[in-house]
Amino acid sequence: MADHGDGRLRTEGSGGGGGAGGPPAGVGALVLGGEMLLALSLLALVLLAAYRLYLRWGTRSGPGGAAREGQAAALPRMKRRDFSLEQLREFNGARNPRILLAVNGKVFDVTKGSKFYGPDGPYGIFAGRDASRGLATFRLDKDALRDEYDDLSDLNAVQMESVREWEMQFKEKYDYVGRLLKPGEEPSEYTDEEDTKDHTKQE
């Protein structure tokens, strides 16, 4: 026990200042907060890895899967062009059998992945939209989509790196068909020669 000069006696282990040999007040909360942040980061990485494996190795069987893939295979390769947000929305798999989505300003034809991106697919919310924010933040709800052009300027460095990684994944798996236009930006004029190039190559 010790007299702290205020007329109250306290034991060594009591009080807000921490006792001898114990951590200062608040350190336990900081350690716990850091562990929680680390656990959430690891969970996000595991979910990202699982989603990528699902995209790459997910089974193609299942109800309607073969029919959707048959329709996708029957569509001719899309000629390269650029899209406004409004034009992109036409390709959501409901009004048009072709499904497009944008990632980091690039538009990809994901029709062959209609099992995932079709109207009934688990990621159908991204069809005909800019999926960048949703992929960066691991969100599959309407709050991850913007009705206006999204410059992604509020995303942090980790989220922007995630967007770039997703872009690379889509380039490996799907056809790159053009750019997502910023407001007021004019579309590019693609020649037949450019159109026959590998669609997964960036400009």
C-alpha atoms as a PDB file:
ATOM      1  CA  MET A   1       0.000   0.000   0.000  1.00  0.00           C
ATOM      2  CA  ALA A   2       1.128   3.548  -0.626  1.00  0.00           C
ATOM      3  CA  ASP A   3      -0.052   7.014   0.287  1.00  0.00           C
ATOM      4  CA  HIS A   4      -0.289   9.080  -2.902  1.00  0.00           C
ATOM      5  CA  GLY A   5      -0.628  12.323  -1.009  1.00  0.00           C
ATOM      6  CA  ASP A   6      -4.351  12.691  -1.523  1.00  0.00           C
ATOM      7  CA  GLY A   7      -5.296  10.922   1.664  1.00  0.00           C
ATOM      8  CA  ARG A   8      -6.205   7.652  -0.102  1.00  0.00           C
ATOM      9  CA  LEU A   9      -4.262   4.454   0.217  1.00  0.00           C
ATOM     10  CA  ARG A  10      -3.877   2.240  -2.815  1.00  0.00           C
ATOM     11  CA  THR A  11      -2.443  -1.203  -3.327  1.00  0.00           C
ATOM     12  CA  GLU A  12       0.379  -1.814  -5.797  1.00  0.00           C
ATOM     13  CA  GLY A  13      -1.874  -3.480  -8.405  1.00  0.00           C
ATOM     14  CA  SER A  14      -4.800  -1.045  -8.329  1.00  0.00           C
ATOM     15  CA  GLY A  15      -5.420   2.304  -9.942  1.00  0.00           C
ATOM     16  CA  GLY A  16      -5.337   3.612 -13.478  1.00  0.00           C
ATOM     17  CA  GLY A  17      -1.552   4.002 -13.766  1.00  0.00           C
ATOM     18  CA  GLY A  18      -0.650   0.318 -13.797  1.00  0.00           C
ATOM     19  CA  GLY A  19       1.176  -1.483 -11.032  1.00  0.00           C
ATOM     20  CA  ALA A  20       4.793  -2.496 -10.740  1.00  0.00           C
ATOM     21  CA  GLY A  21       5.651  -4.939 -13.496  1.00  0.00           C
ATOM     22  CA  GLY A  22       2.357  -4.383 -15.307  1.00  0.00           C
ATOM     23  CA  PRO A  23       1.867  -2.604 -18.617  1.00  0.00           C
ATOM     24  CA  PRO A  24       0.872   1.070 -18.606  1.00  0.00           C
ATOM     25  CA  ALA A  25      -2.845   1.760 -18.894  1.00  0.00           C
ATOM     26  CA  GLY A  26      -4.102   1.538 -22.465  1.00  0.00           C
ATOM     27  CA  VAL A  27      -1.316  -0.715 -23.786  1.00  0.00           C
ATOM     28  CA  GLY A  28      -3.519  -3.804 -23.562  1.00  0.00           C
ATOM     29  CA  ALA A  29      -6.202  -2.064 -25.601  1.00  0.00           C
ATOM     30  CA  LEU A  30      -3.639  -1.029 -28.217  1.00  0.00           C
ATOM     31  CA  VAL A  31      -2.277  -4.572 -28.489  1.00  0.00           C
ATOM     32  CA  LEU A  32      -5.794  -5.965 -28.770  1.00  0.00           C
ATOM     33  CA  GLY A  33      -6.677  -3.380 -31.447  1.00  0.00           C
ATOM     34  CA  GLY A  34      -3.537  -4.241 -33.428  1.00  0.00           C
ATOM     35  CA  GLU A  35      -4.294  -7.948 -33.250  1.00  0.00           C
ATOM     36  CA  MET A  36      -7.856  -7.310 -34.423  1.00  0.00           C
ATOM     37  CA  LEU A  37      -6.621  -5.236 -37.384  1.00  0.00           C
ATOM     38  CA  LEU A  38      -4.128  -7.953 -38.311  1.00  0.00           C
ATOM     39  CA  ALA A  39      -6.833 -10.626 -38.087  1.00  0.00           C
ATOM     40  CA  LEU A  40      -9.181  -8.608 -40.317  1.00  0.00           C
ATOM     41  CA  SER A  41      -6.399  -8.000 -42.857  1.00  0.00           C
ATOM     42  CA  LEU A  42      -5.583 -11.699 -42.964  1.00  0.00           C
ATOM     43  CA  LEU A  43      -9.272 -12.555 -43.373  1.00  0.00           C
ATOM     44  CA  ALA A  44      -9.542 -10.109 -46.293  1.00  0.00           C
ATOM     45  CA  LEU A  45      -6.498 -11.691 -47.966  1.00  0.00           C
ATOM     46  CA  VAL A  46      -7.908 -15.195 -47.490  1.00  0.00           C
ATOM     47  CA  LEU A  47     -11.254 -14.125 -48.989  1.00  0.00           C
ATOM     48  CA  LEU A  48      -9.469 -12.509 -51.937  1.00  0.00           C
ATOM     49  CA  ALA A  49      -7.416 -15.657 -52.548  1.00  0.00           C
ATOM     50  CA  ALA A  50     -10.513 -17.857 -52.280  1.00  0.00           C
ATOM     51  CA  TYR A  51     -12.408 -15.686 -54.754  1.00  0.00           C
ATOM     52  CA  ARG A  52      -9.519 -15.786 -57.231  1.00  0.00           C
ATOM     53  CA  LEU A  53      -9.287 -19.556 -56.960  1.00  0.00           C
ATOM     54  CA  TYR A  54     -13.036 -19.784 -57.427  1.00  0.00           C
ATOM     55  CA  LEU A  55     -12.797 -17.643 -60.573  1.00  0.00           C
ATOM     56  CA  ARG A  56      -9.959 -19.709 -61.970  1.00  0.00           C
ATOM     57  CA  TRP A  57     -10.934 -23.228 -60.933  1.00  0.00           C
ATOM     58  CA  GLY A  58     -14.632 -22.999 -60.088  1.00  0.00           C
ATOM     59  CA  THR A  59     -16.691 -25.750 -61.602  1.00  0.00           C
ATOM     60  CA  ARG A  60     -18.585 -24.907 -64.773  1.00  0.00           C
ATOM     61  CA  SER A  61     -21.354 -27.365 -64.171  1.00  0.00           C
ATOM     62  CA  GLY A  62     -24.620 -26.645 -62.429  1.00  0.00           C
ATOM     63  CA  PRO A  63     -28.120 -25.486 -63.339  1.00  0.00           C
ATOM     64  CA  GLY A  64     -28.072 -23.520 -66.560  1.00  0.00           C
ATOM     65  CA  GLY A  65     -24.282 -23.319 -66.588  1.00  0.00           C
ATOM     66  CA  ALA A  66     -23.832 -25.230 -69.839  1.00  0.00           C
ATOM     67  CA  ALA A  67     -26.569 -23.221 -71.578  1.00  0.00           C
ATOM     68  CA  ARG A  68     -25.032 -19.912 -70.528  1.00  0.00           C
ATOM     69  CA  GLU A  69     -21.582 -21.031 -71.655  1.00  0.00           C
ATOM     70  CA  GLY A  70     -23.040 -22.167 -74.977  1.00  0.00           C
ATOM     71  CA  GLN A  71     -24.574 -18.733 -75.518  1.00  0.00           C
ATOM     72  CA  ALA A  72     -21.303 -17.053 -74.620  1.00  0.00           C
ATOM     73  CA  ALA A  73     -19.361 -19.264 -77.043  1.00  0.00           C
ATOM     74  CA  ALA A  74     -21.842 -18.443 -79.837  1.00  0.00           C
ATOM     75  CA  LEU A  75     -21.256 -14.687 -79.534  1.00  0.00           C
ATOM     76  CA  PRO A  76     -18.613 -13.266 -81.865  1.00  0.00           C
ATOM     77  CA  ARG A  77     -15.620 -11.533 -80.334  1.00  0.00           C
ATOM     78  CA  MET A  78     -16.555  -7.968 -79.582  1.00  0.00           C
ATOM     79  CA  LYS A  79     -14.912  -5.249 -81.658  1.00  0.00           C
ATOM     80  CA  ARG A  80     -12.783  -2.933 -79.588  1.00  0.00           C
ATOM     81  CA  ARG A  81     -14.472   0.307 -78.546  1.00  0.00           C
ATOM     82  CA  ASP A  82     -14.705   2.661 -75.585  1.00  0.00           C
ATOM     83  CA  PHE A  83     -17.704   3.005 -73.277  1.00  0.00           C
ATOM     84  CA  SER A  84     -19.377   5.663 -71.209  1.00  0.00           C
ATOM     85  CA  LEU A  85     -20.947   4.478 -67.956  1.00  0.00           C
ATOM     86  CA  GLU A  86     -24.362   4.649 -69.600  1.00  0.00           C
ATOM     87  CA  GLN A  87     -23.244   2.545 -72.558  1.00  0.00           C
ATOM     88  CA  LEU A  88     -21.600   0.025 -70.244  1.00  0.00           C
ATOM     89  CA  ARG A  89     -24.876  -0.523 -68.348  1.00  0.00           C
ATOM     90  CA  GLU A  90     -26.483  -1.969 -71.483  1.00  0.00           C
ATOM     91  CA  PHE A  91     -24.229  -5.029 -71.140  1.00  0.00           C
ATOM     92  CA  ASN A  92     -25.505  -6.409 -67.838  1.00  0.00           C
ATOM     93  CA  GLY A  93     -26.539  -9.866 -69.054  1.00  0.00           C
ATOM     94  CA  ALA A  94     -30.251  -9.110 -68.683  1.00  0.00           C
ATOM     95  CA  ARG A  95     -31.000  -6.799 -71.598  1.00  0.00           C
ATOM     96  CA  ASN A  96     -28.092  -8.104 -73.641  1.00  0.00           C
ATOM     97  CA  PRO A  97     -26.547 -11.603 -73.475  1.00  0.00           C
ATOM     98  CA  ARG A  98     -23.072 -10.062 -73.509  1.00  0.00           C
ATOM     99  CA  ILE A  99     -21.737  -9.094 -70.080  1.00  0.00           C
ATOM    100  CA  LEU A 100     -19.146  -6.367 -69.612  1.00  0.00           C
ATOM    101  CA  LEU A 101     -17.633  -4.788 -66.534  1.00  0.00           C
ATOM    102  CA  ALA A 102     -14.917  -2.231 -65.893  1.00  0.00           C
ATOM    103  CA  VAL A 103     -11.902  -2.465 -63.595  1.00  0.00           C
ATOM    104  CA  ASN A 104      -9.505   0.453 -63.175  1.00  0.00           C
ATOM    105  CA  GLY A 105     -10.705   2.188 -66.336  1.00  0.00           C
ATOM    106  CA  LYS A 106     -10.516  -0.951 -68.506  1.00  0.00           C
ATOM    107  CA  VAL A 107     -13.613  -2.729 -69.856  1.00  0.00           C
ATOM    108  CA  PHE A 108     -13.624  -6.525 -70.017  1.00  0.00           C
ATOM    109  CA  ASP A 109     -15.993  -8.952 -71.718  1.00  0.00           C
ATOM    110  CA  VAL A 110     -16.834 -11.432 -68.953  1.00  0.00           C
ATOM    111  CA  THR A 111     -19.624 -13.195 -70.865  1.00  0.00           C
ATOM    112  CA  LYS A 112     -17.861 -16.554 -70.623  1.00  0.00           C
ATOM    113  CA  GLY A 113     -17.989 -16.091 -66.841  1.00  0.00           C
ATOM    114  CA  SER A 114     -21.770 -15.598 -66.902  1.00  0.00           C
ATOM    115  CA  LYS A 115     -22.120 -18.184 -64.153  1.00  0.00           C
ATOM    116  CA  PHE A 116     -20.469 -15.625 -61.887  1.00  0.00           C
ATOM    117  CA  TYR A 117     -21.440 -12.308 -63.491  1.00  0.00           C
ATOM    118  CA  GLY A 118     -24.856 -13.117 -64.976  1.00  0.00           C
ATOM    119  CA  PRO A 119     -28.078 -11.804 -63.407  1.00  0.00           C
ATOM    120  CA  ASP A 120     -28.272 -14.823 -61.065  1.00  0.00           C
ATOM    121  CA  GLY A 121     -24.534 -15.064 -60.408  1.00  0.00           C
ATOM    122  CA  PRO A 122     -22.891 -14.252 -57.077  1.00  0.00           C
ATOM    123  CA  TYR A 123     -21.134 -11.232 -58.620  1.00  0.00           C
ATOM    124  CA  GLY A 124     -23.971 -10.178 -60.922  1.00  0.00           C
ATOM    125  CA  ILE A 125     -24.107  -6.803 -59.189  1.00  0.00           C
ATOM    126  CA  PHE A 126     -20.948  -5.851 -61.111  1.00  0.00           C
ATOM    127  CA  ALA A 127     -22.383  -6.665 -64.564  1.00  0.00           C
ATOM    128  CA  GLY A 128     -22.560  -3.574 -66.753  1.00  0.00           C
ATOM    129  CA  ARG A 129     -20.875  -1.495 -64.055  1.00  0.00           C
ATOM    130  CA  ASP A 130     -17.511  -0.242 -62.852  1.00  0.00           C
ATOM    131  CA  ALA A 131     -16.543  -2.956 -60.359  1.00  0.00           C
ATOM    132  CA  SER A 132     -13.328  -1.269 -59.167  1.00  0.00           C
ATOM    133  CA  ARG A 133     -14.573   0.033 -55.812  1.00  0.00           C
ATOM    134  CA  GLY A 134     -16.371  -3.183 -54.905  1.00  0.00           C
ATOM    135  CA  LEU A 135     -13.301  -5.287 -55.690  1.00  0.00           C
ATOM    136  CA  ALA A 136     -10.998  -2.904 -53.813  1.00  0.00           C
ATOM    137  CA  THR A 137     -13.151  -2.893 -50.682  1.00  0.00           C
ATOM    138  CA  PHE A 138     -14.380  -6.525 -50.850  1.00  0.00           C
ATOM    139  CA  ARG A 139     -18.006  -5.372 -50.991  1.00  0.00           C
ATOM    140  CA  LEU A 140     -20.832  -6.896 -52.990  1.00  0.00           C
ATOM    141  CA  ASP A 141     -23.554  -4.359 -52.264  1.00  0.00           C
ATOM    142  CA  LYS A 142     -24.901  -1.270 -54.007  1.00  0.00           C
ATOM    143  CA  ASP A 143     -22.810   1.026 -51.804  1.00  0.00           C
ATOM    144  CA  ALA A 144     -19.761  -0.304 -53.667  1.00  0.00           C
ATOM    145  CA  LEU A 145     -21.138   1.042 -56.975  1.00  0.00           C
ATOM    146  CA  ARG A 146     -21.360   4.618 -58.171  1.00  0.00           C
ATOM    147  CA  ASP A 147     -23.877   5.970 -60.659  1.00  0.00           C
ATOM    148  CA  GLU A 148     -21.416   8.699 -61.672  1.00  0.00           C
ATOM    149  CA  TYR A 149     -17.859   8.225 -62.909  1.00  0.00           C
ATOM    150  CA  ASP A 150     -15.707   7.045 -59.985  1.00  0.00           C
ATOM    151  CA  ASP A 151     -12.112   8.317 -60.039  1.00  0.00           C
ATOM    152  CA  LEU A 152     -11.293   6.170 -56.957  1.00  0.00           C
ATOM    153  CA  SER A 153      -9.344   9.112 -55.503  1.00  0.00           C
ATOM    154  CA  ASP A 154     -10.510   8.372 -51.956  1.00  0.00           C
ATOM    155  CA  LEU A 155      -9.156   4.818 -51.917  1.00  0.00           C
ATOM    156  CA  ASN A 156      -5.998   4.207 -49.901  1.00  0.00           C
ATOM    157  CA  ALA A 157      -2.755   2.770 -51.283  1.00  0.00           C
ATOM    158  CA  VAL A 158      -3.595  -0.811 -50.292  1.00  0.00           C
ATOM    159  CA  GLN A 159      -7.013  -0.620 -51.948  1.00  0.00           C
ATOM    160  CA  MET A 160      -5.552   0.868 -55.136  1.00  0.00           C
ATOM    161  CA  GLU A 161      -2.978  -1.917 -55.268  1.00  0.00           C
ATOM    162  CA  SER A 162      -5.853  -4.387 -54.918  1.00  0.00           C
ATOM    163  CA  VAL A 163      -7.626  -2.722 -57.878  1.00  0.00           C
ATOM    164  CA  ARG A 164      -4.482  -3.093 -60.007  1.00  0.00           C
ATOM    165  CA  GLU A 165      -4.154  -6.759 -59.017  1.00  0.00           C
ATOM    166  CA  TRP A 166      -7.778  -7.382 -59.979  1.00  0.00           C
ATOM    167  CA  GLU A 167      -7.175  -5.659 -63.300  1.00  0.00           C
ATOM    168  CA  MET A 168      -4.308  -8.077 -64.002  1.00  0.00           C
ATOM    169  CA  GLN A 169      -6.494 -11.049 -63.060  1.00  0.00           C
ATOM    170  CA  PHE A 170      -9.225  -9.959 -65.460  1.00  0.00           C
ATOM    171  CA  LYS A 171      -6.688  -9.352 -68.233  1.00  0.00           C
ATOM    172  CA  GLU A 172      -5.443 -12.929 -67.855  1.00  0.00           C
ATOM    173  CA  LYS A 173      -8.912 -14.469 -67.967  1.00  0.00           C
ATOM    174  CA  TYR A 174     -11.151 -12.231 -70.099  1.00  0.00           C
ATOM    175  CA  ASP A 175     -11.036 -10.152 -73.274  1.00  0.00           C
ATOM    176  CA  TYR A 176     -10.106  -6.500 -72.886  1.00  0.00           C
ATOM    177  CA  VAL A 177     -12.521  -4.627 -75.163  1.00  0.00           C
ATOM    178  CA  GLY A 178     -11.835  -0.938 -74.515  1.00  0.00           C
ATOM    179  CA  ARG A 179     -11.647   1.890 -72.020  1.00  0.00           C
ATOM    180  CA  LEU A 180     -14.180   3.325 -69.600  1.00  0.00           C
ATOM    181  CA  LEU A 181     -14.529   6.972 -70.594  1.00  0.00           C
ATOM    182  CA  LYS A 182     -14.294   9.832 -68.135  1.00  0.00           C
ATOM    183  CA  PRO A 183     -17.004  12.504 -68.404  1.00  0.00           C
ATOM    184  CA  GLY A 184     -16.406  14.593 -71.531  1.00  0.00           C
ATOM    185  CA  GLU A 185     -13.724  12.250 -72.854  1.00  0.00           C
ATOM    186  CA  GLU A 186     -13.992  11.276 -76.516  1.00  0.00           C
ATOM    187  CA  PRO A 187     -13.822   7.605 -77.524  1.00  0.00           C
ATOM    188  CA  SER A 188     -10.792   6.348 -79.420  1.00  0.00           C
ATOM    189  CA  GLU A 189     -11.055   5.352 -83.066  1.00  0.00           C
ATOM    190  CA  TYR A 190      -9.750   1.802 -83.347  1.00  0.00           C
ATOM    191  CA  THR A 191      -8.529   0.472 -86.683  1.00  0.00           C
ATOM    192  CA  ASP A 192      -9.208  -3.054 -87.904  1.00  0.00           C
ATOM    193  CA  GLU A 193      -5.553  -3.837 -87.303  1.00  0.00           C
ATOM    194  CA  GLU A 194      -5.760  -2.694 -83.681  1.00  0.00           C
ATOM    195  CA  ASP A 195      -8.978  -4.616 -83.248  1.00  0.00           C
ATOM    196  CA  THR A 196      -7.369  -7.895 -84.299  1.00  0.00           C
ATOM    197  CA  LYS A 197      -4.563  -7.518 -81.761  1.00  0.00           C
ATOM    198  CA  ASP A 198      -4.647  -9.497 -78.554  1.00  0.00           C
ATOM    199  CA  HIS A 199      -7.568  -7.990 -76.681  1.00  0.00           C
ATOM    200  CA  THR A 200      -5.862  -8.476 -73.352  1.00  0.00           C
ATOM    201  CA  LYS A 201      -3.084  -6.036 -74.242  1.00  0.00           C
ATOM    202  CA  GLN A 202      -3.255  -2.558 -72.814  1.00  0.00           C
ATOM    203  CA  GLU A 203      -3.053   0.446 -75.057  1.00  0.00           C
END
